[in-house]
PDB file of N, CA and C in Angstrom:
ATOM      1  N   MET A   1     221.647  78.030 165.190  1.00  0.00           N
ATOM      2  CA  MET A   1     221.369  77.068 166.244  1.00  0.00           C
ATOM      3  C   MET A   1     222.319  77.363 167.411  1.00  0.00           C
ATOM      4  N   ASN A   2     221.776  77.529 168.603  1.00  0.00           N
ATOM      5  CA  ASN A   2     222.654  77.807 169.738  1.00  0.00           C
ATOM      6  C   ASN A   2     223.321  76.514 170.213  1.00  0.00           C
ATOM      7  N   LEU A   3     224.386  76.663 171.015  1.00  0.00           N
ATOM      8  CA  LEU A   3     225.170  75.506 171.444  1.00  0.00           C
ATOM      9  C   LEU A   3     224.367  74.509 172.262  1.00  0.00           C
ATOM     10  N   ALA A   4     223.548  75.000 173.182  1.00  0.00           N
ATOM     11  CA  ALA A   4     222.758  74.092 174.020  1.00  0.00           C
ATOM     12  C   ALA A   4     221.806  73.256 173.164  1.00  0.00           C
ATOM     13  N   LEU A   5     221.170  73.887 172.194  1.00  0.00           N
ATOM     14  CA  LEU A   5     220.255  73.166 171.311  1.00  0.00           C
ATOM     15  C   LEU A   5     221.028  72.164 170.462  1.00  0.00           C
ATOM     16  N   ASN A   6     222.191  72.572 169.958  1.00  0.00           N
ATOM     17  CA  ASN A   6     223.024  71.684 169.158  1.00  0.00           C
ATOM     18  C   ASN A   6     223.462  70.471 169.980  1.00  0.00           C
ATOM     19  N   ASP A   7     223.876  70.700 171.229  1.00  0.00           N
ATOM     20  CA  ASP A   7     224.261  69.600 172.116  1.00  0.00           C
ATOM     21  C   ASP A   7     223.090  68.654 172.352  1.00  0.00           C
ATOM     22  N   THR A   8     221.910  69.219 172.527  1.00  0.00           N
ATOM     23  CA  THR A   8     220.719  68.405 172.757  1.00  0.00           C
ATOM     24  C   THR A   8     220.419  67.540 171.539  1.00  0.00           C
ATOM     25  N   VAL A   9     220.499  68.114 170.354  1.00  0.00           N
ATOM     26  CA  VAL A   9     220.240  67.369 169.118  1.00  0.00           C
ATOM     27  C   VAL A   9     221.249  66.228 168.972  1.00  0.00           C
ATOM     28  N   CYS A  10     222.522  66.517 169.230  1.00  0.00           N
ATOM     29  CA  CYS A  10     223.560  65.485 169.131  1.00  0.00           C
ATOM     30  C   CYS A  10     223.342  64.383 170.165  1.00  0.00           C
ATOM     31  N   MET A  11     223.006  64.770 171.381  1.00  0.00           N
ATOM     32  CA  MET A  11     222.787  63.788 172.448  1.00  0.00           C
ATOM     33  C   MET A  11     221.584  62.909 172.122  1.00  0.00           C
ATOM     34  N   GLU A  12     220.517  63.513 171.620  1.00  0.00           N
ATOM     35  CA  GLU A  12     219.334  62.734 171.241  1.00  0.00           C
ATOM     36  C   GLU A  12     219.680  61.703 170.174  1.00  0.00           C
ATOM     37  N   LYS A  13     220.440  62.112 169.179  1.00  0.00           N
ATOM     38  CA  LYS A  13     220.819  61.202 168.092  1.00  0.00           C
ATOM     39  C   LYS A  13     221.692  60.073 168.626  1.00  0.00           C
ATOM     40  N   TYR A  14     222.639  60.424 169.502  1.00  0.00           N
ATOM     41  CA  TYR A  14     223.500  59.403 170.110  1.00  0.00           C
ATOM     42  C   TYR A  14     222.664  58.385 170.882  1.00  0.00           C
ATOM     43  N   LEU A  15     221.756  58.871 171.717  1.00  0.00           N
ATOM     44  CA  LEU A  15     220.914  57.977 172.518  1.00  0.00           C
ATOM     45  C   LEU A  15     220.056  57.077 171.628  1.00  0.00           C
ATOM     46  N   GLU A  16     219.523  57.654 170.575  1.00  0.00           N
ATOM     47  CA  GLU A  16     218.696  56.885 169.640  1.00  0.00           C
ATOM     48  C   GLU A  16     219.507  55.743 169.016  1.00  0.00           C
ATOM     49  N   LEU A  17     220.699  56.059 168.513  1.00  0.00           N
ATOM     50  CA  LEU A  17     221.539  55.044 167.875  1.00  0.00           C
ATOM     51  C   LEU A  17     222.001  53.986 168.880  1.00  0.00           C
ATOM     52  N   PHE A  18     222.363  54.442 170.074  1.00  0.00           N
ATOM     53  CA  PHE A  18     222.814  53.527 171.124  1.00  0.00           C
ATOM     54  C   PHE A  18     221.692  52.573 171.523  1.00  0.00           C
ATOM     55  N   ALA A  19     220.502  53.113 171.729  1.00  0.00           N
ATOM     56  CA  ALA A  19     219.344  52.295 172.120  1.00  0.00           C
ATOM     57  C   ALA A  19     218.990  51.285 171.029  1.00  0.00           C
ATOM     58  N   GLU A  20     219.116  51.691 169.775  1.00  0.00           N
ATOM     59  CA  GLU A  20     218.830  50.783 168.662  1.00  0.00           C
ATOM     60  C   GLU A  20     219.872  49.668 168.564  1.00  0.00           C
ATOM     61  N   LYS A  21     221.113  49.995 168.869  1.00  0.00           N
ATOM     62  CA  LYS A  21     222.201  49.006 168.787  1.00  0.00           C
ATOM     63  C   LYS A  21     222.035  47.918 169.848  1.00  0.00           C
ATOM     64  N   TYR A  22     221.540  48.286 171.020  1.00  0.00           N
ATOM     65  CA  TYR A  22     221.363  47.347 172.136  1.00  0.00           C
ATOM     66  C   TYR A  22     219.909  47.399 172.629  1.00  0.00           C
ATOM     67  N   PRO A  23     218.972  46.975 171.790  1.00  0.00           N
ATOM     68  CA  PRO A  23     217.550  47.160 172.117  1.00  0.00           C
ATOM     69  C   PRO A  23     217.029  46.297 173.261  1.00  0.00           C
ATOM     70  N   ASP A  24     217.691  45.191 173.554  1.00  0.00           N
ATOM     71  CA  ASP A  24     217.173  44.270 174.570  1.00  0.00           C
ATOM     72  C   ASP A  24     217.748  44.509 175.956  1.00  0.00           C
ATOM     73  N   ASP A  25     218.573  45.535 176.099  1.00  0.00           N
ATOM     74  CA  ASP A  25     219.216  45.824 177.381  1.00  0.00           C
ATOM     75  C   ASP A  25     218.703  47.135 177.957  1.00  0.00           C
ATOM     76  N   LEU A  26     218.734  47.217 179.280  1.00  0.00           N
ATOM     77  CA  LEU A  26     218.446  48.473 179.968  1.00  0.00           C
ATOM     78  C   LEU A  26     219.780  49.172 180.199  1.00  0.00           C
ATOM     79  N   HIS A  27     219.870  50.440 179.851  1.00  0.00           N
ATOM     80  CA  HIS A  27     221.123  51.188 179.946  1.00  0.00           C
ATOM     81  C   HIS A  27     220.960  52.344 180.919  1.00  0.00           C
ATOM     82  N   ILE A  28     221.871  52.424 181.862  1.00  0.00           N
ATOM     83  CA  ILE A  28     221.878  53.535 182.808  1.00  0.00           C
ATOM     84  C   ILE A  28     223.059  54.413 182.451  1.00  0.00           C
ATOM     85  N   ILE A  29     222.781  55.662 182.161  1.00  0.00           N
ATOM     86  CA  ILE A  29     223.833  56.613 181.810  1.00  0.00           C
ATOM     87  C   ILE A  29     223.977  57.592 182.954  1.00  0.00           C
ATOM     88  N   GLN A  30     225.169  57.605 183.517  1.00  0.00           N
ATOM     89  CA  GLN A  30     225.437  58.480 184.657  1.00  0.00           C
ATOM     90  C   GLN A  30     225.846  59.856 184.147  1.00  0.00           C
ATOM     91  N   LEU A  31     225.200  60.873 184.692  1.00  0.00           N
ATOM     92  CA  LEU A  31     225.497  62.258 184.333  1.00  0.00           C
ATOM     93  C   LEU A  31     225.769  63.055 185.597  1.00  0.00           C
ATOM     94  N   ASP A  32     226.622  64.051 185.458  1.00  0.00           N
ATOM     95  CA  ASP A  32     226.810  64.934 186.605  1.00  0.00           C
ATOM     96  C   ASP A  32     225.662  65.942 186.620  1.00  0.00           C
ATOM     97  N   ASN A  33     225.654  66.794 187.593  1.00  0.00           N
ATOM     98  CA  ASN A  33     224.567  67.765 187.727  1.00  0.00           C
ATOM     99  C   ASN A  33     224.899  69.094 187.074  1.00  0.00           C
ATOM    100  N   GLY A  34     225.725  69.046 186.036  1.00  0.00           N
ATOM    101  CA  GLY A  34     226.055  70.271 185.318  1.00  0.00           C
ATOM    102  C   GLY A  34     224.803  70.909 184.741  1.00  0.00           C
ATOM    103  N   PRO A  35     224.828  72.225 184.595  1.00  0.00           N
ATOM    104  CA  PRO A  35     223.649  72.937 184.085  1.00  0.00           C
ATOM    105  C   PRO A  35     223.149  72.392 182.749  1.00  0.00           C
ATOM    106  N   LEU A  36     224.077  72.001 181.872  1.00  0.00           N
ATOM    107  CA  LEU A  36     223.657  71.484 180.574  1.00  0.00           C
ATOM    108  C   LEU A  36     222.863  70.190 180.735  1.00  0.00           C
ATOM    109  N   HIS A  37     223.346  69.293 181.583  1.00  0.00           N
ATOM    110  CA  HIS A  37     222.644  68.021 181.767  1.00  0.00           C
ATOM    111  C   HIS A  37     221.279  68.215 182.417  1.00  0.00           C
ATOM    112  N   GLN A  38     221.171  69.170 183.301  1.00  0.00           N
ATOM    113  CA  GLN A  38     219.902  69.421 183.980  1.00  0.00           C
ATOM    114  C   GLN A  38     218.887  70.090 183.061  1.00  0.00           C
ATOM    115  N   SER A  39     219.386  70.797 182.038  1.00  0.00           N
ATOM    116  CA  SER A  39     218.474  71.541 181.172  1.00  0.00           C
ATOM    117  C   SER A  39     218.090  70.769 179.917  1.00  0.00           C
ATOM    118  N   LEU A  40     218.558  69.534 179.806  1.00  0.00           N
ATOM    119  CA  LEU A  40     218.255  68.765 178.604  1.00  0.00           C
ATOM    120  C   LEU A  40     216.752  68.526 178.486  1.00  0.00           C
ATOM    121  N   ASN A  41     216.205  68.993 177.396  1.00  0.00           N
ATOM    122  CA  ASN A  41     214.791  68.785 177.111  1.00  0.00           C
ATOM    123  C   ASN A  41     214.732  67.950 175.843  1.00  0.00           C
ATOM    124  N   MET A  42     214.757  66.641 176.018  1.00  0.00           N
ATOM    125  CA  MET A  42     214.822  65.760 174.860  1.00  0.00           C
ATOM    126  C   MET A  42     214.052  64.484 175.133  1.00  0.00           C
ATOM    127  N   SER A  43     213.822  63.763 174.068  1.00  0.00           N
ATOM    128  CA  SER A  43     213.183  62.463 174.237  1.00  0.00           C
ATOM    129  C   SER A  43     214.279  61.433 174.506  1.00  0.00           C
ATOM    130  N   ILE A  44     214.030  60.584 175.484  1.00  0.00           N
ATOM    131  CA  ILE A  44     214.996  59.568 175.882  1.00  0.00           C
ATOM    132  C   ILE A  44     214.368  58.211 175.580  1.00  0.00           C
ATOM    133  N   PRO A  45     215.080  57.347 174.855  1.00  0.00           N
ATOM    134  CA  PRO A  45     214.526  56.023 174.554  1.00  0.00           C
ATOM    135  C   PRO A  45     214.130  55.275 175.827  1.00  0.00           C
ATOM    136  N   GLU A  46     213.152  54.388 175.689  1.00  0.00           N
ATOM    137  CA  GLU A  46     212.608  53.675 176.850  1.00  0.00           C
ATOM    138  C   GLU A  46     213.620  52.773 177.546  1.00  0.00           C
ATOM    139  N   ASN A  47     214.644  52.321 176.826  1.00  0.00           N
ATOM    140  CA  ASN A  47     215.614  51.415 177.443  1.00  0.00           C
ATOM    141  C   ASN A  47     216.845  52.156 177.983  1.00  0.00           C
ATOM    142  N   ILE A  48     216.713  53.464 178.168  1.00  0.00           N
ATOM    143  CA  ILE A  48     217.790  54.276 178.739  1.00  0.00           C
ATOM    144  C   ILE A  48     217.250  55.055 179.933  1.00  0.00           C
ATOM    145  N   ILE A  49     218.019  55.040 181.009  1.00  0.00           N
ATOM    146  CA  ILE A  49     217.684  55.801 182.216  1.00  0.00           C
ATOM    147  C   ILE A  49     218.858  56.709 182.533  1.00  0.00           C
ATOM    148  N   PHE A  50     218.578  57.973 182.809  1.00  0.00           N
ATOM    149  CA  PHE A  50     219.622  58.890 183.265  1.00  0.00           C
ATOM    150  C   PHE A  50     219.728  58.777 184.779  1.00  0.00           C
ATOM    151  N   LEU A  51     220.944  58.631 185.266  1.00  0.00           N
ATOM    152  CA  LEU A  51     221.221  58.592 186.694  1.00  0.00           C
ATOM    153  C   LEU A  51     222.086  59.808 187.013  1.00  0.00           C
ATOM    154  N   PHE A  52     221.500  60.770 187.729  1.00  0.00           N
ATOM    155  CA  PHE A  52     222.236  61.991 188.065  1.00  0.00           C
ATOM    156  C   PHE A  52     222.958  61.802 189.386  1.00  0.00           C
ATOM    157  N   GLN A  53     224.248  62.061 189.374  1.00  0.00           N
ATOM    158  CA  GLN A  53     225.011  61.954 190.618  1.00  0.00           C
ATOM    159  C   GLN A  53     224.755  63.183 191.470  1.00  0.00           C
ATOM    160  N   PRO A  54     224.952  63.060 192.776  1.00  0.00           N
ATOM    161  CA  PRO A  54     224.752  64.215 193.660  1.00  0.00           C
ATOM    162  C   PRO A  54     225.710  65.349 193.291  1.00  0.00           C
ATOM    163  N   PRO A  55     225.314  66.597 193.564  1.00  0.00           N
ATOM    164  CA  PRO A  55     226.205  67.720 193.272  1.00  0.00           C
ATOM    165  C   PRO A  55     227.529  67.584 194.025  1.00  0.00           C
ATOM    166  N   TYR A  56     228.573  68.083 193.399  1.00  0.00           N
ATOM    167  CA  TYR A  56     229.911  68.134 194.008  1.00  0.00           C
ATOM    168  C   TYR A  56     230.377  66.765 194.484  1.00  0.00           C
ATOM    169  N   SER A  57     230.237  65.756 193.641  1.00  0.00           N
ATOM    170  CA  SER A  57     230.688  64.414 194.019  1.00  0.00           C
ATOM    171  C   SER A  57     231.473  63.767 192.871  1.00  0.00           C
ATOM    172  N   PRO A  58     232.598  64.375 192.499  1.00  0.00           N
ATOM    173  CA  PRO A  58     233.379  63.816 191.388  1.00  0.00           C
ATOM    174  C   PRO A  58     233.873  62.399 191.659  1.00  0.00           C
ATOM    175  N   GLU A  59     233.962  62.024 192.935  1.00  0.00           N
ATOM    176  CA  GLU A  59     234.426  60.675 193.262  1.00  0.00           C
ATOM    177  C   GLU A  59     233.453  59.598 192.787  1.00  0.00           C
ATOM    178  N   LEU A  60     232.219  59.978 192.484  1.00  0.00           N
ATOM    179  CA  LEU A  60     231.237  59.020 191.970  1.00  0.00           C
ATOM    180  C   LEU A  60     231.234  58.941 190.449  1.00  0.00           C
ATOM    181  N   ASN A  61     232.029  59.785 189.815  1.00  0.00           N
ATOM    182  CA  ASN A  61     232.045  59.846 188.365  1.00  0.00           C
ATOM    183  C   ASN A  61     233.270  59.110 187.831  1.00  0.00           C
ATOM    184  N   PRO A  62     233.078  57.949 187.211  1.00  0.00           N
ATOM    185  CA  PRO A  62     234.219  57.167 186.740  1.00  0.00           C
ATOM    186  C   PRO A  62     235.158  57.920 185.799  1.00  0.00           C
ATOM    187  N   ILE A  63     234.645  58.879 185.042  1.00  0.00           N
ATOM    188  CA  ILE A  63     235.518  59.604 184.113  1.00  0.00           C
ATOM    189  C   ILE A  63     236.590  60.377 184.866  1.00  0.00           C
ATOM    190  N   GLU A  64     236.299  60.769 186.099  1.00  0.00           N
ATOM    191  CA  GLU A  64     237.295  61.499 186.887  1.00  0.00           C
ATOM    192  C   GLU A  64     238.527  60.633 187.143  1.00  0.00           C
ATOM    193  N   ARG A  65     238.320  59.339 187.336  1.00  0.00           N
ATOM    194  CA  ARG A  65     239.466  58.438 187.531  1.00  0.00           C
ATOM    195  C   ARG A  65     240.269  58.309 186.252  1.00  0.00           C
ATOM    196  N   LEU A  66     239.591  58.339 185.115  1.00  0.00           N
ATOM    197  CA  LEU A  66     240.309  58.294 183.838  1.00  0.00           C
ATOM    198  C   LEU A  66     241.159  59.548 183.670  1.00  0.00           C
ATOM    199  N   TRP A  67     240.576  60.719 184.002  1.00  0.00           N
ATOM    200  CA  TRP A  67     241.351  61.965 183.911  1.00  0.00           C
ATOM    201  C   TRP A  67     242.566  61.912 184.821  1.00  0.00           C
ATOM    202  N   LEU A  68     242.426  61.347 186.024  1.00  0.00           N
ATOM    203  CA  LEU A  68     243.568  61.223 186.934  1.00  0.00           C
ATOM    204  C   LEU A  68     244.659  60.349 186.328  1.00  0.00           C
ATOM    205  N   GLU A  69     244.267  59.266 185.673  1.00  0.00           N
ATOM    206  CA  GLU A  69     245.241  58.383 185.023  1.00  0.00           C
ATOM    207  C   GLU A  69     245.970  59.117 183.900  1.00  0.00           C
ATOM    208  N   ILE A  70     245.236  59.864 183.101  1.00  0.00           N
ATOM    209  CA  ILE A  70     245.859  60.620 182.011  1.00  0.00           C
ATOM    210  C   ILE A  70     246.798  61.677 182.577  1.00  0.00           C
ATOM    211  N   LYS A  71     246.344  62.399 183.591  1.00  0.00           N
ATOM    212  CA  LYS A  71     247.194  63.425 184.210  1.00  0.00           C
ATOM    213  C   LYS A  71     248.444  62.811 184.823  1.00  0.00           C
ATOM    214  N   ARG A  72     248.307  61.626 185.409  1.00  0.00           N
ATOM    215  CA  ARG A  72     249.464  60.949 186.001  1.00  0.00           C
ATOM    216  C   ARG A  72     250.527  60.674 184.940  1.00  0.00           C
ATOM    217  N   LYS A  73     250.080  60.290 183.746  1.00  0.00           N
ATOM    218  CA  LYS A  73     251.015  59.990 182.662  1.00  0.00           C
ATOM    219  C   LYS A  73     251.621  61.254 182.059  1.00  0.00           C
ATOM    220  N   LEU A  74     250.945  62.383 182.204  1.00  0.00           N
ATOM    221  CA  LEU A  74     251.454  63.654 181.672  1.00  0.00           C
ATOM    222  C   LEU A  74     252.338  64.400 182.667  1.00  0.00           C
ATOM    223  N   LYS A  75     252.319  63.952 183.910  1.00  0.00           N
ATOM    224  CA  LYS A  75     253.023  64.648 184.981  1.00  0.00           C
ATOM    225  C   LYS A  75     254.490  64.873 184.618  1.00  0.00           C
ATOM    226  N   TRP A  76     254.945  66.073 184.836  1.00  0.00           N
ATOM    227  CA  TRP A  76     256.333  66.499 184.639  1.00  0.00           C
ATOM    228  C   TRP A  76     256.745  66.602 183.178  1.00  0.00           C
ATOM    229  N   GLU A  77     255.843  66.372 182.250  1.00  0.00           N
ATOM    230  CA  GLU A  77     256.195  66.534 180.838  1.00  0.00           C
ATOM    231  C   GLU A  77     256.008  67.991 180.437  1.00  0.00           C
ATOM    232  N   ILE A  78     256.891  68.455 179.581  1.00  0.00           N
ATOM    233  CA  ILE A  78     256.817  69.828 179.077  1.00  0.00           C
ATOM    234  C   ILE A  78     256.632  69.748 177.565  1.00  0.00           C
ATOM    235  N   PHE A  79     255.702  70.538 177.063  1.00  0.00           N
ATOM    236  CA  PHE A  79     255.403  70.526 175.636  1.00  0.00           C
ATOM    237  C   PHE A  79     255.727  71.889 175.045  1.00  0.00           C
ATOM    238  N   GLU A  80     256.358  71.864 173.901  1.00  0.00           N
ATOM    239  CA  GLU A  80     256.747  73.110 173.224  1.00  0.00           C
ATOM    240  C   GLU A  80     255.536  73.818 172.619  1.00  0.00           C
ATOM    241  N   ASN A  81     254.527  73.017 172.249  1.00  0.00           N
ATOM    242  CA  ASN A  81     253.349  73.610 171.619  1.00  0.00           C
ATOM    243  C   ASN A  81     252.140  72.693 171.818  1.00  0.00           C
ATOM    244  N   LEU A  82     251.010  73.190 171.414  1.00  0.00           N
ATOM    245  CA  LEU A  82     249.752  72.461 171.590  1.00  0.00           C
ATOM    246  C   LEU A  82     249.740  71.160 170.791  1.00  0.00           C
ATOM    247  N   GLU A  83     250.352  71.159 169.625  1.00  0.00           N
ATOM    248  CA  GLU A  83     250.376  69.955 168.791  1.00  0.00           C
ATOM    249  C   GLU A  83     251.118  68.807 169.485  1.00  0.00           C
ATOM    250  N   GLN A  84     252.212  69.114 170.176  1.00  0.00           N
ATOM    251  CA  GLN A  84     252.933  68.075 170.923  1.00  0.00           C
ATOM    252  C   GLN A  84     252.054  67.494 172.028  1.00  0.00           C
ATOM    253  N   LEU A  85     251.328  68.354 172.713  1.00  0.00           N
ATOM    254  CA  LEU A  85     250.411  67.892 173.759  1.00  0.00           C
ATOM    255  C   LEU A  85     249.322  67.002 173.160  1.00  0.00           C
ATOM    256  N   ARG A  86     248.768  67.419 172.032  1.00  0.00           N
ATOM    257  CA  ARG A  86     247.726  66.618 171.368  1.00  0.00           C
ATOM    258  C   ARG A  86     248.249  65.230 170.999  1.00  0.00           C
ATOM    259  N   LYS A  87     249.460  65.186 170.443  1.00  0.00           N
ATOM    260  CA  LYS A  87     250.043  63.896 170.053  1.00  0.00           C
ATOM    261  C   LYS A  87     250.252  63.002 171.270  1.00  0.00           C
ATOM    262  N   ARG A  88     250.726  63.582 172.360  1.00  0.00           N
ATOM    263  CA  ARG A  88     250.956  62.790 173.576  1.00  0.00           C
ATOM    264  C   ARG A  88     249.627  62.287 174.146  1.00  0.00           C
ATOM    265  N   LEU A  89     248.609  63.147 174.168  1.00  0.00           N
ATOM    266  CA  LEU A  89     247.289  62.731 174.648  1.00  0.00           C
ATOM    267  C   LEU A  89     246.716  61.611 173.783  1.00  0.00           C
ATOM    268  N   THR A  90     246.870  61.747 172.480  1.00  0.00           N
ATOM    269  CA  THR A  90     246.392  60.710 171.563  1.00  0.00           C
ATOM    270  C   THR A  90     247.091  59.389 171.850  1.00  0.00           C
ATOM    271  N   SER A  91     248.389  59.455 172.084  1.00  0.00           N
ATOM    272  CA  SER A  91     249.164  58.256 172.398  1.00  0.00           C
ATOM    273  C   SER A  91     248.684  57.606 173.697  1.00  0.00           C
ATOM    274  N   ILE A  92     248.451  58.413 174.705  1.00  0.00           N
ATOM    275  CA  ILE A  92     247.988  57.888 175.995  1.00  0.00           C
ATOM    276  C   ILE A  92     246.610  57.250 175.847  1.00  0.00           C
ATOM    277  N   ILE A  93     245.692  57.964 175.214  1.00  0.00           N
ATOM    278  CA  ILE A  93     244.309  57.486 175.107  1.00  0.00           C
ATOM    279  C   ILE A  93     244.215  56.231 174.245  1.00  0.00           C
ATOM    280  N   THR A  94     244.909  56.216 173.111  1.00  0.00           N
ATOM    281  CA  THR A  94     244.844  55.027 172.251  1.00  0.00           C
ATOM    282  C   THR A  94     245.575  53.841 172.870  1.00  0.00           C
ATOM    283  N   GLY A  95     246.452  54.108 173.833  1.00  0.00           N
ATOM    284  CA  GLY A  95     247.168  53.035 174.513  1.00  0.00           C
ATOM    285  C   GLY A  95     246.410  52.414 175.673  1.00  0.00           C
ATOM    286  N   LEU A  96     245.274  52.990 176.027  1.00  0.00           N
ATOM    287  CA  LEU A  96     244.477  52.437 177.127  1.00  0.00           C
ATOM    288  C   LEU A  96     243.805  51.138 176.684  1.00  0.00           C
ATOM    289  N   THR A  97     243.941  50.114 177.480  1.00  0.00           N
ATOM    290  CA  THR A  97     243.298  48.840 177.154  1.00  0.00           C
ATOM    291  C   THR A  97     241.897  48.803 177.756  1.00  0.00           C
ATOM    292  N   SER A  98     241.091  47.879 177.289  1.00  0.00           N
ATOM    293  CA  SER A  98     239.748  47.696 177.853  1.00  0.00           C
ATOM    294  C   SER A  98     239.835  47.386 179.336  1.00  0.00           C
ATOM    295  N   GLN A  99     240.836  46.583 179.702  1.00  0.00           N
ATOM    296  CA  GLN A  99     240.997  46.211 181.104  1.00  0.00           C
ATOM    297  C   GLN A  99     241.322  47.431 181.962  1.00  0.00           C
ATOM    298  N   THR A 100     242.169  48.327 181.446  1.00  0.00           N
ATOM    299  CA  THR A 100     242.508  49.538 182.198  1.00  0.00           C
ATOM    300  C   THR A 100     241.272  50.400 182.388  1.00  0.00           C
ATOM    301  N   ILE A 101     240.531  50.604 181.321  1.00  0.00           N
ATOM    302  CA  ILE A 101     239.325  51.432 181.398  1.00  0.00           C
ATOM    303  C   ILE A 101     238.315  50.801 182.349  1.00  0.00           C
ATOM    304  N   GLU A 102     238.157  49.491 182.264  1.00  0.00           N
ATOM    305  CA  GLU A 102     237.220  48.801 183.157  1.00  0.00           C
ATOM    306  C   GLU A 102     237.645  48.947 184.614  1.00  0.00           C
ATOM    307  N   SER A 103     238.942  48.831 184.875  1.00  0.00           N
ATOM    308  CA  SER A 103     239.404  48.942 186.263  1.00  0.00           C
ATOM    309  C   SER A 103     239.226  50.355 186.796  1.00  0.00           C
ATOM    310  N   LEU A 104     239.344  51.351 185.931  1.00  0.00           N
ATOM    311  CA  LEU A 104     239.162  52.737 186.366  1.00  0.00           C
ATOM    312  C   LEU A 104     237.694  53.064 186.594  1.00  0.00           C
ATOM    313  N   GLY A 105     236.812  52.422 185.851  1.00  0.00           N
ATOM    314  CA  GLY A 105     235.389  52.727 185.966  1.00  0.00           C
ATOM    315  C   GLY A 105     234.619  51.787 186.865  1.00  0.00           C
ATOM    316  N   GLY A 106     235.226  50.687 187.268  1.00  0.00           N
ATOM    317  CA  GLY A 106     234.506  49.680 188.029  1.00  0.00           C
ATOM    318  C   GLY A 106     234.657  49.823 189.527  1.00  0.00           C
ATOM    319  N   TRP A 107     234.299  50.953 190.042  1.00  0.00           N
ATOM    320  CA  TRP A 107     234.402  51.173 191.483  1.00  0.00           C
ATOM    321  C   TRP A 107     233.474  50.236 192.219  1.00  0.00           C
ATOM    322  N   ASP A 108     233.985  49.660 193.279  1.00  0.00           N
ATOM    323  CA  ASP A 108     233.164  48.754 194.079  1.00  0.00           C
ATOM    324  C   ASP A 108     231.900  49.430 194.602  1.00  0.00           C
ATOM    325  N   VAL A 109     232.019  50.672 195.051  1.00  0.00           N
ATOM    326  CA  VAL A 109     230.855  51.360 195.624  1.00  0.00           C
ATOM    327  C   VAL A 109     229.774  51.570 194.563  1.00  0.00           C
ATOM    328  N   ILE A 110     230.179  51.897 193.345  1.00  0.00           N
ATOM    329  CA  ILE A 110     229.208  52.086 192.266  1.00  0.00           C
ATOM    330  C   ILE A 110     228.581  50.742 191.908  1.00  0.00           C
ATOM    331  N   LEU A 111     229.417  49.724 191.777  1.00  0.00           N
ATOM    332  CA  LEU A 111     228.906  48.406 191.425  1.00  0.00           C
ATOM    333  C   LEU A 111     227.964  47.863 192.494  1.00  0.00           C
ATOM    334  N   LYS A 112     228.315  48.054 193.756  1.00  0.00           N
ATOM    335  CA  LYS A 112     227.450  47.589 194.844  1.00  0.00           C
ATOM    336  C   LYS A 112     226.103  48.311 194.825  1.00  0.00           C
ATOM    337  N   ALA A 113     226.140  49.614 194.548  1.00  0.00           N
ATOM    338  CA  ALA A 113     224.890  50.384 194.483  1.00  0.00           C
ATOM    339  C   ALA A 113     224.018  49.895 193.333  1.00  0.00           C
ATOM    340  N   LEU A 114     224.636  49.612 192.187  1.00  0.00           N
ATOM    341  CA  LEU A 114     223.870  49.108 191.051  1.00  0.00           C
ATOM    342  C   LEU A 114     223.290  47.730 191.353  1.00  0.00           C
ATOM    343  N   LEU A 115     224.087  46.879 191.995  1.00  0.00           N
ATOM    344  CA  LEU A 115     223.587  45.549 192.351  1.00  0.00           C
ATOM    345  C   LEU A 115     222.419  45.640 193.323  1.00  0.00           C
ATOM    346  N   LYS A 116     222.536  46.551 194.294  1.00  0.00           N
ATOM    347  CA  LYS A 116     221.456  46.729 195.268  1.00  0.00           C
ATOM    348  C   LYS A 116     220.178  47.201 194.574  1.00  0.00           C
ATOM    349  N   ALA A 117     220.360  47.981 193.499  1.00  0.00           N
ATOM    350  CA  ALA A 117     219.210  48.476 192.747  1.00  0.00           C
ATOM    351  C   ALA A 117     218.658  47.415 191.789  1.00  0.00           C
ATOM    352  N   GLY A 118     219.314  46.241 191.761  1.00  0.00           N
ATOM    353  CA  GLY A 118     218.824  45.167 190.907  1.00  0.00           C
ATOM    354  C   GLY A 118     219.392  45.181 189.505  1.00  0.00           C
ATOM    355  N   ILE A 119     220.469  45.929 189.303  1.00  0.00           N
ATOM    356  CA  ILE A 119     221.099  46.004 187.985  1.00  0.00           C
ATOM    357  C   ILE A 119     222.399  45.224 188.077  1.00  0.00           C
ATOM    358  N   SER A 120     222.449  44.075 187.424  1.00  0.00           N
ATOM    359  CA  SER A 120     223.612  43.216 187.612  1.00  0.00           C
ATOM    360  C   SER A 120     224.498  43.073 186.386  1.00  0.00           C
ATOM    361  N   SER A 121     224.070  43.526 185.221  1.00  0.00           N
ATOM    362  CA  SER A 121     224.956  43.400 184.063  1.00  0.00           C
ATOM    363  C   SER A 121     225.400  44.782 183.618  1.00  0.00           C
ATOM    364  N   ILE A 122     226.701  44.945 183.560  1.00  0.00           N
ATOM    365  CA  ILE A 122     227.291  46.220 183.170  1.00  0.00           C
ATOM    366  C   ILE A 122     228.216  45.952 182.000  1.00  0.00           C
ATOM    367  N   ILE A 123     228.086  46.742 180.955  1.00  0.00           N
ATOM    368  CA  ILE A 123     228.922  46.587 179.771  1.00  0.00           C
ATOM    369  C   ILE A 123     229.831  47.792 179.673  1.00  0.00           C
ATOM    370  N   TYR A 124     231.125  47.549 179.469  1.00  0.00           N
ATOM    371  CA  TYR A 124     232.095  48.627 179.286  1.00  0.00           C
ATOM    372  C   TYR A 124     232.432  48.724 177.813  1.00  0.00           C
ATOM    373  N   PHE A 125     232.542  49.933 177.319  1.00  0.00           N
ATOM    374  CA  PHE A 125     232.888  50.141 175.913  1.00  0.00           C
ATOM    375  C   PHE A 125     234.215  50.838 175.827  1.00  0.00           C
TER     376      PHE A 125
END
């Protein structure tokens, strides 16, 4: 099984389980325009919509703000080996609160665009 096909199978299973867990809600999943996301040939549950961000617009991708927060916490640290880096990353990620993640992902411009589109309930996980 090639990697692209394996990724597609995993993504399909994830979407299926996610849609089943929250069957009464409409879910918008934001994806970048990476080649893998554009080439996905899979079935998407009816209560899920893919929203592709414009090319070269990382500022619209909430995960980029999370990466900036993680990098900020790693700044100036030196690691003797990969295991030390892994432990520090694990510590940073497990220390993130729901409120921190929500504040990093809740950009006003994104929220305003969703509201204008008629989507008013957003759930953070």
